[in-house]
Amino acid sequence: MPFIHKNLANGRWCELSLAEQLGNIGSEVYRASRWQGKDEKLFWGAVERALELFDLTLDDPRWIGRRFEIARAREVFCDAFYGGNLYKSSFRDLIRYFNIFALAVRN
């Protein structure tokens, strides 16, 4: 399956810090939350982009020791877009989590 983020998949993603990577994932999480229940095409597009960024982060060899945390965040994200039944997760909670990384990069 071709990458949505071709430039990032070709190595650019591994040039970003973990905070930058998670902040970018958070942008897609936010987009998904905005479009949920309003526009299915835009919602699922944001979900697919977020999942691809999660997978690129999991493939980044620098984060071998952090893979459990990253994979759990991906799992909680999946739970949120399927209704939060397993972890009682919500997009609002995920946005708060990811905003911390975006703010860290900004500062």
PDB file of N, CA and C in Angstrom:
ATOM      1  N   MET A   1       0.843  -1.184   0.000  1.00  0.00           N
ATOM      2  CA  MET A   1       0.000   0.000   0.000  1.00  0.00           C
ATOM      3  C   MET A   1       0.885   1.243   0.000  1.00  0.00           C
ATOM      4  N   PRO A   2       0.640   2.178  -0.883  1.00  0.00           N
ATOM      5  CA  PRO A   2       1.476   3.387  -0.943  1.00  0.00           C
ATOM      6  C   PRO A   2       1.273   4.274   0.285  1.00  0.00           C
ATOM      7  N   PHE A   3       2.321   4.993   0.608  1.00  0.00           N
ATOM      8  CA  PHE A   3       2.264   5.907   1.743  1.00  0.00           C
ATOM      9  C   PHE A   3       1.488   7.164   1.384  1.00  0.00           C
ATOM     10  N   ILE A   4       0.781   7.685   2.364  1.00  0.00           N
ATOM     11  CA  ILE A   4       0.110   8.974   2.222  1.00  0.00           C
ATOM     12  C   ILE A   4       1.157  10.080   2.358  1.00  0.00           C
ATOM     13  N   HIS A   5       2.023   9.928   3.341  1.00  0.00           N
ATOM     14  CA  HIS A   5       3.084  10.897   3.624  1.00  0.00           C
ATOM     15  C   HIS A   5       4.385  10.393   2.982  1.00  0.00           C
ATOM     16  N   LYS A   6       4.489  10.469   1.676  1.00  0.00           N
ATOM     17  CA  LYS A   6       5.636   9.906   0.943  1.00  0.00           C
ATOM     18  C   LYS A   6       6.961  10.526   1.372  1.00  0.00           C
ATOM     19  N   ASN A   7       7.008  11.830   1.509  1.00  0.00           N
ATOM     20  CA  ASN A   7       8.235  12.520   1.903  1.00  0.00           C
ATOM     21  C   ASN A   7       8.672  12.083   3.305  1.00  0.00           C
ATOM     22  N   LEU A   8       7.730  11.974   4.205  1.00  0.00           N
ATOM     23  CA  LEU A   8       8.063  11.564   5.565  1.00  0.00           C
ATOM     24  C   LEU A   8       8.501  10.105   5.602  1.00  0.00           C
ATOM     25  N   ALA A   9       7.830   9.259   4.824  1.00  0.00           N
ATOM     26  CA  ALA A   9       8.159   7.834   4.799  1.00  0.00           C
ATOM     27  C   ALA A   9       9.530   7.581   4.182  1.00  0.00           C
ATOM     28  N   ASN A  10      10.004   8.504   3.343  1.00  0.00           N
ATOM     29  CA  ASN A  10      11.317   8.355   2.703  1.00  0.00           C
ATOM     30  C   ASN A  10      12.462   8.800   3.600  1.00  0.00           C
ATOM     31  N   GLY A  11      12.233   8.974   4.869  1.00  0.00           N
ATOM     32  CA  GLY A  11      13.301   9.278   5.807  1.00  0.00           C
ATOM     33  C   GLY A  11      13.158  10.584   6.561  1.00  0.00           C
ATOM     34  N   ARG A  12      12.370  11.493   6.056  1.00  0.00           N
ATOM     35  CA  ARG A  12      12.214  12.790   6.731  1.00  0.00           C
ATOM     36  C   ARG A  12      11.643  12.622   8.136  1.00  0.00           C
ATOM     37  N   TRP A  13      10.746  11.645   8.333  1.00  0.00           N
ATOM     38  CA  TRP A  13      10.115  11.435   9.631  1.00  0.00           C
ATOM     39  C   TRP A  13      11.165  11.141  10.707  1.00  0.00           C
ATOM     40  N   CYS A  14      12.200  10.403  10.338  1.00  0.00           N
ATOM     41  CA  CYS A  14      13.239  10.041  11.304  1.00  0.00           C
ATOM     42  C   CYS A  14      14.178  11.195  11.632  1.00  0.00           C
ATOM     43  N   GLU A  15      14.013  12.315  10.949  1.00  0.00           N
ATOM     44  CA  GLU A  15      14.787  13.516  11.278  1.00  0.00           C
ATOM     45  C   GLU A  15      14.105  14.329  12.374  1.00  0.00           C
ATOM     46  N   LEU A  16      12.849  14.033  12.651  1.00  0.00           N
ATOM     47  CA  LEU A  16      12.091  14.774  13.661  1.00  0.00           C
ATOM     48  C   LEU A  16      12.306  14.163  15.039  1.00  0.00           C
ATOM     49  N   SER A  17      12.209  14.998  16.057  1.00  0.00           N
ATOM     50  CA  SER A  17      12.285  14.497  17.431  1.00  0.00           C
ATOM     51  C   SER A  17      10.993  13.746  17.760  1.00  0.00           C
ATOM     52  N   LEU A  18      11.013  13.004  18.845  1.00  0.00           N
ATOM     53  CA  LEU A  18       9.804  12.288  19.259  1.00  0.00           C
ATOM     54  C   LEU A  18       8.670  13.268  19.541  1.00  0.00           C
ATOM     55  N   ALA A  19       8.984  14.385  20.172  1.00  0.00           N
ATOM     56  CA  ALA A  19       7.945  15.388  20.454  1.00  0.00           C
ATOM     57  C   ALA A  19       7.353  15.932  19.155  1.00  0.00           C
ATOM     58  N   GLU A  20       8.195  16.166  18.160  1.00  0.00           N
ATOM     59  CA  GLU A  20       7.691  16.642  16.871  1.00  0.00           C
ATOM     60  C   GLU A  20       6.810  15.590  16.194  1.00  0.00           C
ATOM     61  N   GLN A  21       7.244  14.344  16.259  1.00  0.00           N
ATOM     62  CA  GLN A  21       6.456  13.271  15.666  1.00  0.00           C
ATOM     63  C   GLN A  21       5.093  13.158  16.348  1.00  0.00           C
ATOM     64  N   LEU A  22       5.093  13.146  17.669  1.00  0.00           N
ATOM     65  CA  LEU A  22       3.828  13.014  18.398  1.00  0.00           C
ATOM     66  C   LEU A  22       2.951  14.254  18.238  1.00  0.00           C
ATOM     67  N   GLY A  23       3.566  15.415  18.129  1.00  0.00           N
ATOM     68  CA  GLY A  23       2.793  16.629  17.863  1.00  0.00           C
ATOM     69  C   GLY A  23       2.095  16.562  16.517  1.00  0.00           C
ATOM     70  N   ASN A  24       2.787  16.030  15.509  1.00  0.00           N
ATOM     71  CA  ASN A  24       2.169  15.865  14.189  1.00  0.00           C
ATOM     72  C   ASN A  24       1.050  14.838  14.217  1.00  0.00           C
ATOM     73  N   ILE A  25       1.242  13.762  14.949  1.00  0.00           N
ATOM     74  CA  ILE A  25       0.170  12.786  15.108  1.00  0.00           C
ATOM     75  C   ILE A  25      -1.026  13.469  15.758  1.00  0.00           C
ATOM     76  N   GLY A  26      -0.753  14.291  16.761  1.00  0.00           N
ATOM     77  CA  GLY A  26      -1.822  15.017  17.445  1.00  0.00           C
ATOM     78  C   GLY A  26      -2.612  15.911  16.510  1.00  0.00           C
ATOM     79  N   SER A  27      -1.961  16.474  15.501  1.00  0.00           N
ATOM     80  CA  SER A  27      -2.682  17.302  14.524  1.00  0.00           C
ATOM     81  C   SER A  27      -3.722  16.476  13.782  1.00  0.00           C
ATOM     82  N   GLU A  28      -3.365  15.252  13.421  1.00  0.00           N
ATOM     83  CA  GLU A  28      -4.322  14.382  12.732  1.00  0.00           C
ATOM     84  C   GLU A  28      -5.422  13.899  13.677  1.00  0.00           C
ATOM     85  N   VAL A  29      -5.066  13.664  14.926  1.00  0.00           N
ATOM     86  CA  VAL A  29      -6.074  13.290  15.920  1.00  0.00           C
ATOM     87  C   VAL A  29      -7.094  14.423  16.059  1.00  0.00           C
ATOM     88  N   TYR A  30      -6.599  15.643  16.118  1.00  0.00           N
ATOM     89  CA  TYR A  30      -7.487  16.803  16.211  1.00  0.00           C
ATOM     90  C   TYR A  30      -8.387  16.894  14.983  1.00  0.00           C
ATOM     91  N   ARG A  31      -7.815  16.713  13.799  1.00  0.00           N
ATOM     92  CA  ARG A  31      -8.617  16.762  12.576  1.00  0.00           C
ATOM     93  C   ARG A  31      -9.701  15.681  12.585  1.00  0.00           C
ATOM     94  N   ALA A  32      -9.333  14.489  13.002  1.00  0.00           N
ATOM     95  CA  ALA A  32     -10.324  13.401  13.077  1.00  0.00           C
ATOM     96  C   ALA A  32     -11.450  13.775  14.033  1.00  0.00           C
ATOM     97  N   SER A  33     -11.099  14.356  15.162  1.00  0.00           N
ATOM     98  CA  SER A  33     -12.129  14.722  16.144  1.00  0.00           C
ATOM     99  C   SER A  33     -13.073  15.786  15.589  1.00  0.00           C
ATOM    100  N   ARG A  34     -12.522  16.710  14.809  1.00  0.00           N
ATOM    101  CA  ARG A  34     -13.359  17.775  14.224  1.00  0.00           C
ATOM    102  C   ARG A  34     -14.351  17.242  13.202  1.00  0.00           C
ATOM    103  N   TRP A  35     -13.957  16.197  12.460  1.00  0.00           N
ATOM    104  CA  TRP A  35     -14.798  15.708  11.371  1.00  0.00           C
ATOM    105  C   TRP A  35     -15.665  14.512  11.746  1.00  0.00           C
ATOM    106  N   GLN A  36     -15.435  13.955  12.928  1.00  0.00           N
ATOM    107  CA  GLN A  36     -16.245  12.804  13.335  1.00  0.00           C
ATOM    108  C   GLN A  36     -17.716  13.203  13.403  1.00  0.00           C
ATOM    109  N   GLY A  37     -18.546  12.443  12.704  1.00  0.00           N
ATOM    110  CA  GLY A  37     -19.978  12.706  12.691  1.00  0.00           C
ATOM    111  C   GLY A  37     -20.407  13.830  11.768  1.00  0.00           C
ATOM    112  N   LYS A  38     -19.440  14.485  11.107  1.00  0.00           N
ATOM    113  CA  LYS A  38     -19.772  15.599  10.221  1.00  0.00           C
ATOM    114  C   LYS A  38     -19.466  15.268   8.764  1.00  0.00           C
ATOM    115  N   ASP A  39     -18.300  14.717   8.521  1.00  0.00           N
ATOM    116  CA  ASP A  39     -17.885  14.384   7.160  1.00  0.00           C
ATOM    117  C   ASP A  39     -17.063  13.098   7.233  1.00  0.00           C
ATOM    118  N   GLU A  40     -17.659  11.996   6.845  1.00  0.00           N
ATOM    119  CA  GLU A  40     -17.004  10.694   6.972  1.00  0.00           C
ATOM    120  C   GLU A  40     -15.717  10.600   6.160  1.00  0.00           C
ATOM    121  N   LYS A  41     -15.705  11.173   4.968  1.00  0.00           N
ATOM    122  CA  LYS A  41     -14.508  11.106   4.131  1.00  0.00           C
ATOM    123  C   LYS A  41     -13.341  11.831   4.795  1.00  0.00           C
ATOM    124  N   LEU A  42     -13.574  13.029   5.290  1.00  0.00           N
ATOM    125  CA  LEU A  42     -12.513  13.778   5.968  1.00  0.00           C
ATOM    126  C   LEU A  42     -12.114  13.112   7.280  1.00  0.00           C
ATOM    127  N   PHE A  43     -13.099  12.568   7.997  1.00  0.00           N
ATOM    128  CA  PHE A  43     -12.819  11.864   9.251  1.00  0.00           C
ATOM    129  C   PHE A  43     -11.882  10.686   9.007  1.00  0.00           C
ATOM    130  N   TRP A  44     -12.250   9.797   8.076  1.00  0.00           N
ATOM    131  CA  TRP A  44     -11.447   8.608   7.827  1.00  0.00           C
ATOM    132  C   TRP A  44     -10.096   8.956   7.205  1.00  0.00           C
ATOM    133  N   GLY A  45     -10.031  10.043   6.445  1.00  0.00           N
ATOM    134  CA  GLY A  45      -8.741  10.490   5.916  1.00  0.00           C
ATOM    135  C   GLY A  45      -7.786  10.864   7.042  1.00  0.00           C
ATOM    136  N   ALA A  46      -8.299  11.589   8.029  1.00  0.00           N
ATOM    137  CA  ALA A  46      -7.471  11.973   9.183  1.00  0.00           C
ATOM    138  C   ALA A  46      -7.077  10.750  10.001  1.00  0.00           C
ATOM    139  N   VAL A  47      -7.994   9.805  10.156  1.00  0.00           N
ATOM    140  CA  VAL A  47      -7.691   8.569  10.888  1.00  0.00           C
ATOM    141  C   VAL A  47      -6.571   7.812  10.183  1.00  0.00           C
ATOM    142  N   GLU A  48      -6.668   7.653   8.867  1.00  0.00           N
ATOM    143  CA  GLU A  48      -5.641   6.942   8.104  1.00  0.00           C
ATOM    144  C   GLU A  48      -4.290   7.639   8.200  1.00  0.00           C
ATOM    145  N   ARG A  49      -4.296   8.953   8.112  1.00  0.00           N
ATOM    146  CA  ARG A  49      -3.032   9.694   8.211  1.00  0.00           C
ATOM    147  C   ARG A  49      -2.421   9.541   9.600  1.00  0.00           C
ATOM    148  N   ALA A  50      -3.254   9.604  10.638  1.00  0.00           N
ATOM    149  CA  ALA A  50      -2.750   9.438  12.005  1.00  0.00           C
ATOM    150  C   ALA A  50      -2.155   8.041  12.187  1.00  0.00           C
ATOM    151  N   LEU A  51      -2.851   7.022  11.692  1.00  0.00           N
ATOM    152  CA  LEU A  51      -2.337   5.657  11.833  1.00  0.00           C
ATOM    153  C   LEU A  51      -1.015   5.483  11.095  1.00  0.00           C
ATOM    154  N   GLU A  52      -0.905   6.094   9.914  1.00  0.00           N
ATOM    155  CA  GLU A  52       0.358   6.002   9.186  1.00  0.00           C
ATOM    156  C   GLU A  52       1.485   6.677   9.971  1.00  0.00           C
ATOM    157  N   LEU A  53       1.207   7.834  10.560  1.00  0.00           N
ATOM    158  CA  LEU A  53       2.233   8.517  11.352  1.00  0.00           C
ATOM    159  C   LEU A  53       2.594   7.715  12.602  1.00  0.00           C
ATOM    160  N   PHE A  54       1.612   7.099  13.237  1.00  0.00           N
ATOM    161  CA  PHE A  54       1.916   6.199  14.357  1.00  0.00           C
ATOM    162  C   PHE A  54       2.856   5.093  13.893  1.00  0.00           C
ATOM    163  N   ASP A  55       2.549   4.490  12.743  1.00  0.00           N
ATOM    164  CA  ASP A  55       3.366   3.385  12.247  1.00  0.00           C
ATOM    165  C   ASP A  55       4.775   3.837  11.882  1.00  0.00           C
ATOM    166  N   LEU A  56       4.901   5.020  11.284  1.00  0.00           N
ATOM    167  CA  LEU A  56       6.232   5.554  10.996  1.00  0.00           C
ATOM    168  C   LEU A  56       7.014   5.785  12.287  1.00  0.00           C
ATOM    169  N   THR A  57       6.338   6.247  13.321  1.00  0.00           N
ATOM    170  CA  THR A  57       6.992   6.467  14.620  1.00  0.00           C
ATOM    171  C   THR A  57       7.418   5.135  15.226  1.00  0.00           C
ATOM    172  N   LEU A  58       6.559   4.139  15.141  1.00  0.00           N
ATOM    173  CA  LEU A  58       6.907   2.814  15.670  1.00  0.00           C
ATOM    174  C   LEU A  58       8.083   2.194  14.913  1.00  0.00           C
ATOM    175  N   ASP A  59       8.231   2.524  13.641  1.00  0.00           N
ATOM    176  CA  ASP A  59       9.338   1.999  12.834  1.00  0.00           C
ATOM    177  C   ASP A  59      10.644   2.762  13.025  1.00  0.00           C
ATOM    178  N   ASP A  60      10.591   3.909  13.673  1.00  0.00           N
ATOM    179  CA  ASP A  60      11.786   4.717  13.894  1.00  0.00           C
ATOM    180  C   ASP A  60      12.686   3.995  14.906  1.00  0.00           C
ATOM    181  N   PRO A  61      13.884   3.583  14.494  1.00  0.00           N
ATOM    182  CA  PRO A  61      14.742   2.787  15.390  1.00  0.00           C
ATOM    183  C   PRO A  61      15.187   3.518  16.656  1.00  0.00           C
ATOM    184  N   ARG A  62      15.089   4.841  16.682  1.00  0.00           N
ATOM    185  CA  ARG A  62      15.492   5.591  17.877  1.00  0.00           C
ATOM    186  C   ARG A  62      14.564   5.343  19.053  1.00  0.00           C
ATOM    187  N   TRP A  63      13.347   4.900  18.779  1.00  0.00           N
ATOM    188  CA  TRP A  63      12.363   4.775  19.853  1.00  0.00           C
ATOM    189  C   TRP A  63      12.111   3.330  20.262  1.00  0.00           C
ATOM    190  N   ILE A  64      13.087   2.463  20.079  1.00  0.00           N
ATOM    191  CA  ILE A  64      12.916   1.053  20.448  1.00  0.00           C
ATOM    192  C   ILE A  64      12.445   0.928  21.896  1.00  0.00           C
ATOM    193  N   GLY A  65      13.042   1.677  22.788  1.00  0.00           N
ATOM    194  CA  GLY A  65      12.670   1.617  24.202  1.00  0.00           C
ATOM    195  C   GLY A  65      11.333   2.271  24.522  1.00  0.00           C
ATOM    196  N   ARG A  66      10.746   2.964  23.577  1.00  0.00           N
ATOM    197  CA  ARG A  66       9.480   3.669  23.804  1.00  0.00           C
ATOM    198  C   ARG A  66       8.330   3.064  23.004  1.00  0.00           C
ATOM    199  N   ARG A  67       8.596   1.979  22.308  1.00  0.00           N
ATOM    200  CA  ARG A  67       7.579   1.396  21.420  1.00  0.00           C
ATOM    201  C   ARG A  67       6.312   0.998  22.157  1.00  0.00           C
ATOM    202  N   PHE A  68       6.449   0.496  23.374  1.00  0.00           N
ATOM    203  CA  PHE A  68       5.252   0.102  24.118  1.00  0.00           C
ATOM    204  C   PHE A  68       4.335   1.301  24.325  1.00  0.00           C
ATOM    205  N   GLU A  69       4.904   2.427  24.734  1.00  0.00           N
ATOM    206  CA  GLU A  69       4.128   3.644  24.969  1.00  0.00           C
ATOM    207  C   GLU A  69       3.476   4.150  23.676  1.00  0.00           C
ATOM    208  N   ILE A  70       4.253   4.142  22.596  1.00  0.00           N
ATOM    209  CA  ILE A  70       3.735   4.617  21.313  1.00  0.00           C
ATOM    210  C   ILE A  70       2.632   3.688  20.810  1.00  0.00           C
ATOM    211  N   ALA A  71       2.863   2.388  20.926  1.00  0.00           N
ATOM    212  CA  ALA A  71       1.850   1.415  20.488  1.00  0.00           C
ATOM    213  C   ALA A  71       0.584   1.519  21.335  1.00  0.00           C
ATOM    214  N   ARG A  72       0.741   1.783  22.624  1.00  0.00           N
ATOM    215  CA  ARG A  72      -0.438   1.942  23.471  1.00  0.00           C
ATOM    216  C   ARG A  72      -1.215   3.195  23.088  1.00  0.00           C
ATOM    217  N   ALA A  73      -0.517   4.282  22.777  1.00  0.00           N
ATOM    218  CA  ALA A  73      -1.204   5.504  22.335  1.00  0.00           C
ATOM    219  C   ALA A  73      -1.973   5.226  21.047  1.00  0.00           C
ATOM    220  N   ARG A  74      -1.390   4.442  20.145  1.00  0.00           N
ATOM    221  CA  ARG A  74      -2.066   4.074  18.890  1.00  0.00           C
ATOM    222  C   ARG A  74      -3.318   3.247  19.195  1.00  0.00           C
ATOM    223  N   GLU A  75      -3.184   2.325  20.120  1.00  0.00           N
ATOM    224  CA  GLU A  75      -4.318   1.477  20.510  1.00  0.00           C
ATOM    225  C   GLU A  75      -5.445   2.301  21.127  1.00  0.00           C
ATOM    226  N   VAL A  76      -5.098   3.245  21.966  1.00  0.00           N
ATOM    227  CA  VAL A  76      -6.105   4.114  22.594  1.00  0.00           C
ATOM    228  C   VAL A  76      -6.761   4.997  21.538  1.00  0.00           C
ATOM    229  N   PHE A  77      -5.978   5.465  20.566  1.00  0.00           N
ATOM    230  CA  PHE A  77      -6.540   6.238  19.460  1.00  0.00           C
ATOM    231  C   PHE A  77      -7.558   5.391  18.693  1.00  0.00           C
ATOM    232  N   CYS A  78      -7.204   4.163  18.377  1.00  0.00           N
ATOM    233  CA  CYS A  78      -8.140   3.271  17.674  1.00  0.00           C
ATOM    234  C   CYS A  78      -9.406   3.055  18.497  1.00  0.00           C
ATOM    235  N   ASP A  79      -9.251   2.891  19.789  1.00  0.00           N
ATOM    236  CA  ASP A  79     -10.410   2.728  20.665  1.00  0.00           C
ATOM    237  C   ASP A  79     -11.301   3.964  20.612  1.00  0.00           C
ATOM    238  N   ALA A  80     -10.701   5.145  20.579  1.00  0.00           N
ATOM    239  CA  ALA A  80     -11.489   6.391  20.554  1.00  0.00           C
ATOM    240  C   ALA A  80     -12.320   6.480  19.292  1.00  0.00           C
ATOM    241  N   PHE A  81     -11.748   6.162  18.129  1.00  0.00           N
ATOM    242  CA  PHE A  81     -12.544   6.328  16.919  1.00  0.00           C
ATOM    243  C   PHE A  81     -13.547   5.205  16.724  1.00  0.00           C
ATOM    244  N   TYR A  82     -13.407   4.132  17.503  1.00  0.00           N
ATOM    245  CA  TYR A  82     -14.443   3.093  17.482  1.00  0.00           C
ATOM    246  C   TYR A  82     -15.428   3.233  18.633  1.00  0.00           C
ATOM    247  N   GLY A  83     -15.391   4.349  19.340  1.00  0.00           N
ATOM    248  CA  GLY A  83     -16.390   4.621  20.362  1.00  0.00           C
ATOM    249  C   GLY A  83     -15.914   4.581  21.798  1.00  0.00           C
ATOM    250  N   GLY A  84     -14.649   4.241  22.048  1.00  0.00           N
ATOM    251  CA  GLY A  84     -14.111   4.263  23.405  1.00  0.00           C
ATOM    252  C   GLY A  84     -14.614   3.157  24.307  1.00  0.00           C
ATOM    253  N   ASN A  85     -15.009   2.042  23.741  1.00  0.00           N
ATOM    254  CA  ASN A  85     -15.592   0.962  24.542  1.00  0.00           C
ATOM    255  C   ASN A  85     -14.576   0.214  25.400  1.00  0.00           C
ATOM    256  N   LEU A  86     -13.365   0.028  24.910  1.00  0.00           N
ATOM    257  CA  LEU A  86     -12.372  -0.755  25.631  1.00  0.00           C
ATOM    258  C   LEU A  86     -11.687   0.050  26.733  1.00  0.00           C
ATOM    259  N   TYR A  87     -11.216   1.241  26.396  1.00  0.00           N
ATOM    260  CA  TYR A  87     -10.463   2.063  27.349  1.00  0.00           C
ATOM    261  C   TYR A  87     -11.217   3.301  27.812  1.00  0.00           C
ATOM    262  N   LYS A  88     -12.436   3.469  27.332  1.00  0.00           N
ATOM    263  CA  LYS A  88     -13.214   4.684  27.633  1.00  0.00           C
ATOM    264  C   LYS A  88     -12.468   5.925  27.150  1.00  0.00           C
ATOM    265  N   SER A  89     -11.742   5.766  26.051  1.00  0.00           N
ATOM    266  CA  SER A  89     -10.956   6.871  25.515  1.00  0.00           C
ATOM    267  C   SER A  89     -11.834   7.796  24.688  1.00  0.00           C
ATOM    268  N   SER A  90     -11.381   9.023  24.605  1.00  0.00           N
ATOM    269  CA  SER A  90     -12.105  10.023  23.812  1.00  0.00           C
ATOM    270  C   SER A  90     -11.092  10.870  23.065  1.00  0.00           C
ATOM    271  N   PHE A  91     -11.552  11.481  21.991  1.00  0.00           N
ATOM    272  CA  PHE A  91     -10.677  12.381  21.256  1.00  0.00           C
ATOM    273  C   PHE A  91     -10.243  13.547  22.131  1.00  0.00           C
ATOM    274  N   ARG A  92     -11.121  14.012  22.980  1.00  0.00           N
ATOM    275  CA  ARG A  92     -10.774  15.144  23.852  1.00  0.00           C
ATOM    276  C   ARG A  92      -9.577  14.794  24.736  1.00  0.00           C
ATOM    277  N   ASP A  93      -9.587  13.598  25.323  1.00  0.00           N
ATOM    278  CA  ASP A  93      -8.456  13.172  26.147  1.00  0.00           C
ATOM    279  C   ASP A  93      -7.184  13.024  25.327  1.00  0.00           C
ATOM    280  N   LEU A  94      -7.323  12.467  24.122  1.00  0.00           N
ATOM    281  CA  LEU A  94      -6.158  12.292  23.263  1.00  0.00           C
ATOM    282  C   LEU A  94      -5.572  13.634  22.823  1.00  0.00           C
ATOM    283  N   ILE A  95      -6.425  14.574  22.523  1.00  0.00           N
ATOM    284  CA  ILE A  95      -5.949  15.903  22.117  1.00  0.00           C
ATOM    285  C   ILE A  95      -5.159  16.538  23.253  1.00  0.00           C
ATOM    286  N   ARG A  96      -5.644  16.396  24.489  1.00  0.00           N
ATOM    287  CA  ARG A  96      -4.897  16.931  25.646  1.00  0.00           C
ATOM    288  C   ARG A  96      -3.522  16.278  25.751  1.00  0.00           C
ATOM    289  N   TYR A  97      -3.482  14.954  25.548  1.00  0.00           N
ATOM    290  CA  TYR A  97      -2.213  14.219  25.609  1.00  0.00           C
ATOM    291  C   TYR A  97      -1.243  14.721  24.542  1.00  0.00           C
ATOM    292  N   PHE A  98      -1.689  14.804  23.306  1.00  0.00           N
ATOM    293  CA  PHE A  98      -0.811  15.184  22.207  1.00  0.00           C
ATOM    294  C   PHE A  98      -0.456  16.668  22.217  1.00  0.00           C
ATOM    295  N   ASN A  99      -1.310  17.513  22.760  1.00  0.00           N
ATOM    296  CA  ASN A  99      -1.009  18.945  22.835  1.00  0.00           C
ATOM    297  C   ASN A  99       0.244  19.223  23.654  1.00  0.00           C
ATOM    298  N   ILE A 100       0.509  18.386  24.632  1.00  0.00           N
ATOM    299  CA  ILE A 100       1.711  18.549  25.457  1.00  0.00           C
ATOM    300  C   ILE A 100       2.957  18.497  24.581  1.00  0.00           C
ATOM    301  N   PHE A 101       2.963  17.576  23.617  1.00  0.00           N
ATOM    302  CA  PHE A 101       4.128  17.454  22.735  1.00  0.00           C
ATOM    303  C   PHE A 101       4.229  18.643  21.788  1.00  0.00           C
ATOM    304  N   ALA A 102       3.098  19.073  21.259  1.00  0.00           N
ATOM    305  CA  ALA A 102       3.101  20.230  20.358  1.00  0.00           C
ATOM    306  C   ALA A 102       3.602  21.474  21.103  1.00  0.00           C
ATOM    307  N   LEU A 103       3.178  21.649  22.337  1.00  0.00           N
ATOM    308  CA  LEU A 103       3.628  22.793  23.135  1.00  0.00           C
ATOM    309  C   LEU A 103       5.116  22.697  23.469  1.00  0.00           C
ATOM    310  N   ALA A 104       5.591  21.488  23.737  1.00  0.00           N
ATOM    311  CA  ALA A 104       7.023  21.297  24.036  1.00  0.00           C
ATOM    312  C   ALA A 104       7.874  21.680  22.835  1.00  0.00           C
ATOM    313  N   VAL A 105       7.422  21.337  21.647  1.00  0.00           N
ATOM    314  CA  VAL A 105       8.168  21.674  20.431  1.00  0.00           C
ATOM    315  C   VAL A 105       8.152  23.186  20.212  1.00  0.00           C
ATOM    316  N   ARG A 106       7.018  23.789  20.457  1.00  0.00           N
ATOM    317  CA  ARG A 106       6.875  25.227  20.248  1.00  0.00           C
ATOM    318  C   ARG A 106       7.779  26.018  21.180  1.00  0.00           C
ATOM    319  N   ASN A 107       7.930  25.524  22.426  1.00  0.00           N
ATOM    320  CA  ASN A 107       8.761  26.232  23.415  1.00  0.00           C
ATOM    321  C   ASN A 107      10.196  25.815  23.225  1.00  0.00           C
TER     322      ASN A 107
END
